[in-house]
Structure formats: C-alpha cells, structure tokens
Amino acid sequence: MVAAITHRRAEFGRQRLAGATPAQVFRPVSVEGVLLVLVGILFGSLASVAAIVPYSFARTGSAVPDESALIYLVIVSIAAVLTMATCLGATRRTIRTPAIRAVGP
C-alpha cells in the first residue's frame, strides 16, 4: 500500500495544483483503504476457514472451533487499524512534498 501511494505522488501533486485541499486528497484514499479492509476481511476469513475447519474437525470432531469469536474480532480489528494507518500515513507523507516538485520529473 505504501508503494502504491508513493507511486501516486504526481497524481496528488496535480490534484493540489488544480486546487484540491489535503482533505480532498485524503477522502478517495480513505475510501480505497476501507474497500481494501473489507476485501481483506472477506478473503482472509475465507482462507482461514479453509484452514480452521479441517484442523478443528481433526481435534474436536466438530467443524466449529471451541474458541470464542472474540479472537477473530481482535485480529480483524488489528488488521483494519494497521491498514488504515498505513494508507493515511503514507498519504500524509506523500502530500508533504510540495505540489510543484511532486509533478516535476
């Protein structure tokens, strides 16, 4: 995510030269980050089910693990916070570059 946002430095510079405020640059990146979090949760959950169900069945004879769902929520929350912090932190660092220098070669 950091590499993708850093690669968009010229795009952010052009937006700022056209009159966009930093908040207007952050908004689309925030939406992209939220979509990334949702897709990551969906596919990460599907991948974890593919690993957890056979293991749980072998250990307990049931497809559902004995642990509470709280650990799942903690892991999802940590992943969401880290993803959004990475997106917004990289964007903040990228738009600190003056717009003229960001657009130039």
N, C-alpha and C. Protein backbone atom coordinates (compact mmCIF):
# COMPACT_ATOMS: atom_id res chain seq x y z
N MET A 1 0.82 -1.18 0.00
CA MET A 1 0.00 0.00 0.00
C MET A 1 0.87 1.25 0.00
N VAL A 2 1.93 1.21 0.77
CA VAL A 2 2.82 2.37 0.83
C VAL A 2 3.44 2.63 -0.54
N ALA A 3 3.88 1.58 -1.22
CA ALA A 3 4.49 1.75 -2.54
C ALA A 3 3.48 2.29 -3.54
N ALA A 4 2.25 1.80 -3.48
CA ALA A 4 1.22 2.26 -4.41
C ALA A 4 0.90 3.74 -4.19
N ILE A 5 0.82 4.13 -2.94
CA ILE A 5 0.50 5.54 -2.64
C ILE A 5 1.68 6.44 -2.99
N THR A 6 2.89 6.01 -2.69
CA THR A 6 4.07 6.80 -3.03
C THR A 6 4.18 6.96 -4.54
N HIS A 7 3.81 5.93 -5.27
CA HIS A 7 3.85 5.99 -6.74
C HIS A 7 2.85 7.02 -7.28
N ARG A 8 1.83 7.35 -6.50
CA ARG A 8 0.81 8.31 -6.92
C ARG A 8 1.15 9.75 -6.53
N ARG A 9 2.39 10.01 -6.17
CA ARG A 9 2.82 11.35 -5.73
C ARG A 9 2.48 12.41 -6.79
N ALA A 10 2.76 12.12 -8.05
CA ALA A 10 2.47 13.09 -9.12
C ALA A 10 0.97 13.34 -9.25
N GLU A 11 0.18 12.30 -9.11
CA GLU A 11 -1.28 12.46 -9.17
C GLU A 11 -1.76 13.38 -8.05
N PHE A 12 -1.27 13.16 -6.85
CA PHE A 12 -1.66 14.02 -5.73
C PHE A 12 -1.18 15.45 -5.96
N GLY A 13 0.00 15.62 -6.53
CA GLY A 13 0.52 16.95 -6.84
C GLY A 13 -0.35 17.67 -7.84
N ARG A 14 -0.79 16.95 -8.89
CA ARG A 14 -1.68 17.56 -9.88
C ARG A 14 -3.02 17.96 -9.26
N GLN A 15 -3.52 17.12 -8.38
CA GLN A 15 -4.78 17.46 -7.71
C GLN A 15 -4.62 18.73 -6.87
N ARG A 16 -3.50 18.83 -6.17
CA ARG A 16 -3.28 20.00 -5.34
C ARG A 16 -3.05 21.25 -6.18
N LEU A 17 -2.37 21.10 -7.32
CA LEU A 17 -2.19 22.24 -8.22
C LEU A 17 -3.52 22.70 -8.82
N ALA A 18 -4.44 21.77 -8.97
CA ALA A 18 -5.76 22.11 -9.50
C ALA A 18 -6.67 22.72 -8.44
N GLY A 19 -6.19 22.77 -7.19
CA GLY A 19 -6.95 23.43 -6.14
C GLY A 19 -7.51 22.52 -5.07
N ALA A 20 -7.18 21.24 -5.11
CA ALA A 20 -7.70 20.32 -4.09
C ALA A 20 -7.01 20.57 -2.76
N THR A 21 -7.78 20.48 -1.71
CA THR A 21 -7.22 20.61 -0.37
C THR A 21 -6.68 19.25 0.07
N PRO A 22 -5.84 19.22 1.09
CA PRO A 22 -5.37 17.92 1.58
C PRO A 22 -6.53 16.98 1.96
N ALA A 23 -7.60 17.52 2.52
CA ALA A 23 -8.74 16.68 2.87
C ALA A 23 -9.37 16.05 1.64
N GLN A 24 -9.37 16.78 0.52
CA GLN A 24 -9.93 16.25 -0.72
C GLN A 24 -9.02 15.18 -1.32
N VAL A 25 -7.77 15.20 -0.99
CA VAL A 25 -6.86 14.15 -1.44
C VAL A 25 -7.01 12.93 -0.54
N PHE A 26 -7.22 13.15 0.76
CA PHE A 26 -7.35 12.06 1.71
C PHE A 26 -8.64 11.26 1.52
N ARG A 27 -9.72 11.93 1.12
CA ARG A 27 -11.01 11.25 1.02
C ARG A 27 -10.99 10.03 0.09
N PRO A 28 -10.52 10.15 -1.16
CA PRO A 28 -10.51 8.95 -2.02
C PRO A 28 -9.55 7.87 -1.51
N VAL A 29 -8.46 8.28 -0.91
CA VAL A 29 -7.52 7.29 -0.37
C VAL A 29 -8.17 6.57 0.81
N SER A 30 -8.94 7.29 1.61
CA SER A 30 -9.66 6.66 2.72
C SER A 30 -10.68 5.65 2.23
N VAL A 31 -11.40 6.01 1.17
CA VAL A 31 -12.38 5.09 0.60
C VAL A 31 -11.68 3.84 0.06
N GLU A 32 -10.56 4.04 -0.62
CA GLU A 32 -9.79 2.89 -1.12
C GLU A 32 -9.32 2.02 0.03
N GLY A 33 -8.89 2.65 1.12
CA GLY A 33 -8.43 1.89 2.28
C GLY A 33 -9.55 1.08 2.91
N VAL A 34 -10.74 1.67 3.01
CA VAL A 34 -11.89 0.95 3.57
C VAL A 34 -12.26 -0.23 2.68
N LEU A 35 -12.26 -0.01 1.37
CA LEU A 35 -12.55 -1.12 0.45
C LEU A 35 -11.50 -2.22 0.56
N LEU A 36 -10.25 -1.84 0.71
CA LEU A 36 -9.18 -2.81 0.88
C LEU A 36 -9.37 -3.60 2.17
N VAL A 37 -9.75 -2.93 3.23
CA VAL A 37 -10.01 -3.61 4.50
C VAL A 37 -11.15 -4.61 4.35
N LEU A 38 -12.24 -4.20 3.72
CA LEU A 38 -13.39 -5.09 3.56
C LEU A 38 -13.06 -6.32 2.72
N VAL A 39 -12.35 -6.10 1.62
CA VAL A 39 -11.96 -7.23 0.77
C VAL A 39 -10.98 -8.14 1.51
N GLY A 40 -10.06 -7.53 2.25
CA GLY A 40 -9.11 -8.32 3.03
C GLY A 40 -9.78 -9.15 4.10
N ILE A 41 -10.78 -8.57 4.77
CA ILE A 41 -11.52 -9.32 5.79
C ILE A 41 -12.28 -10.48 5.14
N LEU A 42 -12.93 -10.21 4.03
CA LEU A 42 -13.70 -11.25 3.35
C LEU A 42 -12.81 -12.42 2.93
N PHE A 43 -11.76 -12.12 2.16
CA PHE A 43 -10.93 -13.20 1.65
C PHE A 43 -10.03 -13.81 2.72
N GLY A 44 -9.61 -13.01 3.69
CA GLY A 44 -8.85 -13.56 4.81
C GLY A 44 -9.69 -14.51 5.64
N SER A 45 -10.95 -14.16 5.82
CA SER A 45 -11.85 -15.04 6.58
C SER A 45 -12.09 -16.34 5.82
N LEU A 46 -12.29 -16.23 4.51
CA LEU A 46 -12.49 -17.45 3.71
C LEU A 46 -11.25 -18.35 3.75
N ALA A 47 -10.08 -17.74 3.67
CA ALA A 47 -8.85 -18.54 3.71
C ALA A 47 -8.66 -19.17 5.09
N SER A 48 -9.00 -18.45 6.14
CA SER A 48 -8.83 -19.01 7.48
C SER A 48 -9.82 -20.15 7.73
N VAL A 49 -11.02 -20.04 7.18
CA VAL A 49 -12.00 -21.13 7.33
C VAL A 49 -11.46 -22.40 6.67
N ALA A 50 -10.80 -22.23 5.52
CA ALA A 50 -10.24 -23.39 4.83
C ALA A 50 -9.17 -24.09 5.66
N ALA A 51 -8.53 -23.37 6.57
CA ALA A 51 -7.51 -23.97 7.42
C ALA A 51 -8.08 -24.40 8.77
N ILE A 52 -9.00 -23.63 9.31
CA ILE A 52 -9.51 -23.89 10.66
C ILE A 52 -10.45 -25.09 10.71
N VAL A 53 -11.33 -25.20 9.73
CA VAL A 53 -12.33 -26.27 9.76
C VAL A 53 -11.69 -27.66 9.77
N PRO A 54 -10.76 -27.99 8.88
CA PRO A 54 -10.15 -29.32 8.96
C PRO A 54 -9.40 -29.56 10.27
N TYR A 55 -8.69 -28.54 10.74
CA TYR A 55 -7.95 -28.69 11.99
C TYR A 55 -8.90 -28.90 13.16
N SER A 56 -9.96 -28.11 13.22
CA SER A 56 -10.93 -28.24 14.30
C SER A 56 -11.62 -29.61 14.25
N PHE A 57 -11.96 -30.04 13.05
CA PHE A 57 -12.61 -31.34 12.91
C PHE A 57 -11.69 -32.47 13.38
N ALA A 58 -10.40 -32.36 13.07
CA ALA A 58 -9.45 -33.39 13.49
C ALA A 58 -9.25 -33.39 15.00
N ARG A 59 -9.26 -32.21 15.62
CA ARG A 59 -9.01 -32.11 17.06
C ARG A 59 -10.25 -32.38 17.91
N THR A 60 -11.41 -31.86 17.48
CA THR A 60 -12.60 -31.92 18.33
C THR A 60 -13.74 -32.75 17.74
N GLY A 61 -13.65 -33.08 16.47
CA GLY A 61 -14.73 -33.82 15.83
C GLY A 61 -15.86 -32.91 15.36
N SER A 62 -15.67 -31.60 15.53
CA SER A 62 -16.67 -30.61 15.11
C SER A 62 -16.01 -29.63 14.15
N ALA A 63 -16.79 -29.12 13.21
CA ALA A 63 -16.24 -28.16 12.25
C ALA A 63 -16.05 -26.79 12.87
N VAL A 64 -16.75 -26.54 13.97
CA VAL A 64 -16.68 -25.24 14.64
C VAL A 64 -15.67 -25.32 15.79
N PRO A 65 -14.69 -24.43 15.84
CA PRO A 65 -13.71 -24.48 16.92
C PRO A 65 -14.34 -24.15 18.28
N ASP A 66 -13.69 -24.58 19.35
CA ASP A 66 -14.19 -24.34 20.70
C ASP A 66 -13.90 -22.93 21.20
N GLU A 67 -13.02 -22.21 20.55
CA GLU A 67 -12.65 -20.86 20.99
C GLU A 67 -13.77 -19.87 20.73
N SER A 68 -13.72 -18.74 21.45
CA SER A 68 -14.75 -17.72 21.25
C SER A 68 -14.45 -16.93 19.97
N ALA A 69 -15.46 -16.22 19.52
CA ALA A 69 -15.31 -15.40 18.31
C ALA A 69 -14.55 -14.11 18.61
N LEU A 70 -14.25 -13.86 19.87
CA LEU A 70 -13.55 -12.64 20.25
C LEU A 70 -12.17 -12.55 19.61
N ILE A 71 -11.47 -13.66 19.51
CA ILE A 71 -10.13 -13.63 18.91
C ILE A 71 -10.22 -13.23 17.43
N TYR A 72 -11.26 -13.68 16.75
CA TYR A 72 -11.47 -13.29 15.35
C TYR A 72 -11.67 -11.78 15.25
N LEU A 73 -12.50 -11.24 16.13
CA LEU A 73 -12.77 -9.81 16.11
C LEU A 73 -11.53 -8.99 16.43
N VAL A 74 -10.70 -9.48 17.34
CA VAL A 74 -9.46 -8.78 17.67
C VAL A 74 -8.52 -8.76 16.48
N ILE A 75 -8.37 -9.89 15.81
CA ILE A 75 -7.47 -9.97 14.65
C ILE A 75 -7.98 -9.08 13.52
N VAL A 76 -9.29 -9.10 13.27
CA VAL A 76 -9.86 -8.26 12.22
C VAL A 76 -9.67 -6.79 12.56
N SER A 77 -9.88 -6.43 13.82
CA SER A 77 -9.71 -5.03 14.24
C SER A 77 -8.28 -4.56 14.07
N ILE A 78 -7.32 -5.38 14.46
CA ILE A 78 -5.91 -5.02 14.32
C ILE A 78 -5.55 -4.85 12.85
N ALA A 79 -6.02 -5.77 12.01
CA ALA A 79 -5.73 -5.67 10.57
C ALA A 79 -6.34 -4.41 9.98
N ALA A 80 -7.56 -4.07 10.39
CA ALA A 80 -8.22 -2.87 9.86
C ALA A 80 -7.48 -1.61 10.30
N VAL A 81 -7.10 -1.54 11.56
CA VAL A 81 -6.39 -0.36 12.06
C VAL A 81 -5.04 -0.21 11.37
N LEU A 82 -4.31 -1.30 11.23
CA LEU A 82 -3.00 -1.22 10.58
C LEU A 82 -3.12 -0.82 9.11
N THR A 83 -4.11 -1.34 8.42
CA THR A 83 -4.30 -0.99 7.01
C THR A 83 -4.63 0.48 6.85
N MET A 84 -5.56 0.97 7.65
CA MET A 84 -5.95 2.38 7.53
C MET A 84 -4.81 3.30 7.97
N ALA A 85 -4.08 2.92 9.00
CA ALA A 85 -2.94 3.74 9.44
C ALA A 85 -1.88 3.80 8.35
N THR A 86 -1.65 2.69 7.67
CA THR A 86 -0.68 2.66 6.59
C THR A 86 -1.13 3.55 5.43
N CYS A 87 -2.40 3.43 5.05
CA CYS A 87 -2.92 4.24 3.94
C CYS A 87 -2.82 5.73 4.24
N LEU A 88 -3.33 6.12 5.38
CA LEU A 88 -3.38 7.55 5.71
C LEU A 88 -2.00 8.11 6.05
N GLY A 89 -1.15 7.31 6.69
CA GLY A 89 0.20 7.76 6.99
C GLY A 89 1.03 7.96 5.73
N ALA A 90 0.92 7.02 4.79
CA ALA A 90 1.65 7.16 3.53
C ALA A 90 1.13 8.34 2.72
N THR A 91 -0.17 8.55 2.76
CA THR A 91 -0.74 9.70 2.03
C THR A 91 -0.28 11.00 2.66
N ARG A 92 -0.30 11.06 3.98
CA ARG A 92 0.15 12.29 4.67
C ARG A 92 1.62 12.59 4.31
N ARG A 93 2.44 11.56 4.32
CA ARG A 93 3.86 11.75 3.99
C ARG A 93 4.03 12.14 2.53
N THR A 94 3.22 11.58 1.65
CA THR A 94 3.34 11.86 0.22
C THR A 94 2.90 13.28 -0.12
N ILE A 95 1.83 13.77 0.52
CA ILE A 95 1.37 15.11 0.16
C ILE A 95 2.17 16.20 0.87
N ARG A 96 3.12 15.82 1.73
CA ARG A 96 4.01 16.83 2.31
C ARG A 96 4.97 17.39 1.27
N THR A 97 5.21 16.62 0.21
CA THR A 97 6.06 17.10 -0.88
C THR A 97 5.37 18.28 -1.56
N PRO A 98 6.07 19.37 -1.79
CA PRO A 98 5.43 20.49 -2.50
C PRO A 98 4.86 20.03 -3.85
N ALA A 99 3.71 20.58 -4.21
CA ALA A 99 2.99 20.13 -5.40
C ALA A 99 3.82 20.30 -6.67
N ILE A 100 4.55 21.38 -6.79
CA ILE A 100 5.37 21.61 -7.99
C ILE A 100 6.46 20.54 -8.10
N ARG A 101 7.10 20.21 -6.98
CA ARG A 101 8.15 19.18 -7.01
C ARG A 101 7.55 17.80 -7.27
N ALA A 102 6.35 17.54 -6.79
CA ALA A 102 5.72 16.24 -6.99
C ALA A 102 5.37 16.00 -8.45
N VAL A 103 4.98 17.05 -9.15
CA VAL A 103 4.59 16.91 -10.56
C VAL A 103 5.80 16.86 -11.47
N GLY A 104 6.88 17.52 -11.08
CA GLY A 104 8.07 17.58 -11.92
C GLY A 104 8.76 16.24 -12.06
N PRO A 105 9.74 16.17 -12.97
CA PRO A 105 10.43 14.88 -13.22
C PRO A 105 11.27 14.41 -12.07
